[in-house]
Protein backbone atom coordinates (compact mmCIF):
# COMPACT_ATOMS: atom_id res chain seq x y z
CA MET A 1 -8.88 -21.05 -0.69
CA VAL A 2 -6.99 -24.01 -1.66
CA PHE A 3 -8.12 -27.33 -0.23
CA PRO A 4 -8.25 -30.94 -1.19
CA GLU A 5 -11.30 -31.93 -3.54
CA LYS A 6 -12.72 -34.36 -1.23
CA LEU A 7 -13.75 -31.26 1.47
CA SER A 8 -15.35 -29.23 -1.45
CA LYS A 9 -19.06 -29.78 -0.25
CA THR A 10 -18.15 -29.59 3.44
CA LEU A 11 -16.10 -26.21 2.96
CA ARG A 12 -18.78 -24.78 0.67
CA LYS A 13 -21.03 -24.92 3.60
CA ILE A 14 -19.08 -22.76 5.82
CA GLN A 15 -17.33 -20.42 3.26
CA ASP A 16 -19.60 -17.44 3.70
CA THR A 17 -18.97 -17.63 7.66
CA ASN A 18 -15.38 -17.41 7.11
CA LEU A 19 -15.54 -14.67 4.87
CA ILE A 20 -18.12 -12.42 6.52
CA CYS A 21 -18.10 -12.80 10.28
CA PRO A 22 -15.28 -11.25 12.06
CA THR A 23 -13.05 -13.05 14.44
CA ARG A 24 -13.47 -12.83 18.04
CA ILE A 25 -10.28 -10.75 18.30
CA ALA A 26 -11.55 -8.47 15.59
CA GLN A 27 -14.79 -7.87 17.42
CA GLU A 28 -12.99 -7.47 20.82
CA ALA A 29 -10.56 -4.99 19.16
CA ALA A 30 -13.80 -3.10 17.57
CA ILE A 31 -15.49 -2.83 20.76
CA GLU A 32 -12.01 -1.23 22.15
CA ALA A 33 -12.01 1.30 19.20
CA ILE A 34 -15.33 2.31 19.80
CA LYS A 35 -14.93 3.08 23.59
CA THR A 36 -11.33 4.89 22.83
CA GLY A 37 -13.16 7.12 20.38
CA GLN A 38 -11.88 9.52 17.63
CA ASP A 39 -9.40 11.36 19.64
CA TYR A 40 -6.73 8.54 19.23
CA THR A 41 -7.08 8.75 15.47
CA ASN A 42 -7.55 12.34 15.14
CA GLY A 43 -3.98 12.85 16.52
CA HIS A 44 -2.61 10.50 13.91
CA LEU A 45 -4.51 12.04 10.92
CA VAL A 46 -2.38 15.28 11.07
CA GLU A 47 0.58 13.09 10.77
CA ILE A 48 -0.49 10.89 7.97
CA LYS A 49 -1.46 14.26 6.22
CA HIS A 50 1.86 15.45 6.39
CA THR A 51 3.51 12.31 5.26
CA ARG A 52 1.10 12.25 2.20
CA GLU A 53 2.00 15.59 1.43
CA THR A 54 5.47 14.96 1.55
CA LEU A 55 5.28 12.12 -0.47
CA TYR A 56 3.18 13.45 -2.95
CA ASP A 57 5.52 16.53 -3.46
CA ALA A 58 8.72 13.87 -3.77
CA LEU A 59 6.79 12.06 -6.52
CA SER A 60 5.69 15.01 -8.50
CA SER A 61 9.46 15.82 -8.46
CA ILE A 62 9.92 13.07 -10.69
CA SER A 63 6.80 13.63 -12.97
CA ALA A 64 8.76 13.04 -16.36
CA ILE A 65 9.24 9.29 -15.15
CA CYS A 66 6.05 8.80 -12.50
CA LYS A 67 2.36 9.91 -13.10
CA THR A 68 1.05 10.30 -9.61
CA PRO A 69 -2.75 11.27 -9.22
CA ARG A 70 -3.31 13.21 -6.11
CA THR A 71 -5.30 11.53 -3.18
CA ARG A 72 -6.83 13.19 -0.05
CA GLY A 73 -8.44 10.36 1.68
CA ALA A 74 -6.40 7.25 1.06
CA PHE A 75 -3.22 5.91 2.70
CA TYR A 76 -1.64 5.07 -0.48
CA PHE A 77 -0.88 6.24 -4.08
CA LEU A 78 -1.40 4.51 -6.97
CA ILE A 79 1.54 5.43 -9.66
CA GLN A 80 2.14 4.78 -13.13
CA LEU A 81 5.90 4.44 -14.10
CA LYS A 82 7.40 5.21 -17.61
CA THR A 83 9.77 1.95 -17.83
CA GLU A 84 10.16 -1.07 -19.90
CA LEU A 85 10.12 -3.11 -16.89
CA THR A 86 7.21 -4.73 -15.43
CA ALA A 87 5.73 -3.67 -12.16
CA LEU A 88 7.08 -6.94 -10.57
CA GLU A 89 10.49 -6.37 -11.73
CA LEU A 90 10.50 -2.83 -10.83
CA VAL A 91 9.18 -3.65 -7.08
CA GLU A 92 12.01 -6.33 -6.79
CA GLN A 93 14.57 -4.11 -7.86
CA LEU A 94 13.30 -1.53 -5.20
CA ILE A 95 13.32 -4.11 -2.41
CA VAL A 96 16.61 -5.70 -3.07
CA ASP A 97 18.58 -2.46 -3.87
CA TYR A 98 16.80 0.01 -2.24
CA LYS A 99 15.23 -1.54 1.00
CA VAL A 100 11.72 -0.43 0.13
CA ALA A 101 8.91 -2.35 -0.53
CA ILE A 102 5.68 -0.98 -2.56
CA ILE A 103 3.18 -3.41 -4.14
CA PRO A 104 2.84 -4.16 -7.99
CA GLY A 105 -0.06 -2.58 -9.59
CA GLY A 106 -1.01 -6.18 -11.14
CA THR A 107 -2.13 -6.91 -7.57
CA PHE A 108 -5.16 -4.38 -7.97
CA GLY A 109 -6.02 -5.30 -11.81
CA MET A 110 -3.64 -2.60 -13.38
CA THR A 111 -1.54 -4.85 -15.74
CA LYS A 112 -1.09 -2.69 -19.03
CA GLU A 113 1.55 -0.34 -17.68
CA CYS A 114 4.04 -0.53 -15.07
CA CYS A 115 1.83 0.55 -11.91
CA ALA A 116 2.28 0.16 -8.45
CA ARG A 117 0.74 1.09 -5.05
CA ILE A 118 2.59 3.01 -2.39
CA ALA A 119 1.25 3.01 1.17
CA TYR A 120 2.26 5.60 3.91
CA ALA A 121 -0.02 5.25 6.45
CA ALA A 122 2.45 3.49 8.90
CA LEU A 123 5.35 5.95 8.63
CA ASP A 124 6.09 8.57 11.13
CA GLN A 125 8.02 11.58 10.09
CA SER A 126 11.55 10.45 10.71
CA THR A 127 11.02 7.16 8.86
CA ALA A 128 9.07 8.40 6.21
CA LYS A 129 11.99 11.02 5.10
CA VAL A 130 14.21 8.06 4.92
CA ALA A 131 11.75 5.78 2.87
CA ILE A 132 10.66 8.54 0.47
CA ASP A 133 14.67 9.57 -0.33
CA ARG A 134 15.08 5.69 -0.97
CA LEU A 135 12.00 5.12 -3.14
CA ILE A 136 12.59 8.58 -5.09
CA SER A 137 16.24 7.33 -5.67
CA GLY A 138 15.41 3.74 -6.51
CA LEU A 139 12.77 5.11 -8.95
CA ILE A 140 14.91 7.26 -10.71
CA ASN A 141 17.63 4.85 -11.10
CA ILE A 142 15.65 1.78 -11.84
CA THR A 143 13.69 3.15 -14.81
CA LYS A 144 16.88 4.83 -16.48
């Protein structure tokens, strides 16, 4: 949190509340999620699993430049790339040239190599195919 120094004492009194208490809208959303139950999410899990497997297979196909540990419960992969580029440079090129956004590994404390996080949970199958093709093409071409 960034704030003027003169507000420091006052803001420290309420910082815990801001960080640990969910907003009213989040509480209402949680109530509705409980009412709806798992049937809603169970239907999406099959699609997410399929997208995860498709993305993992695609990343595995470029194992010479991309190390991808298998995951079974997350909605993302943390990858390590063989390149002289920094993760931020790689991510910027993917966005500009391939219209694919991933997150640099430095955001998650992975700063020694070129690492990145690729999230896939929001993709339906038709979108996933396009995004994965762009990602793989970008990673191959950028890391040359």
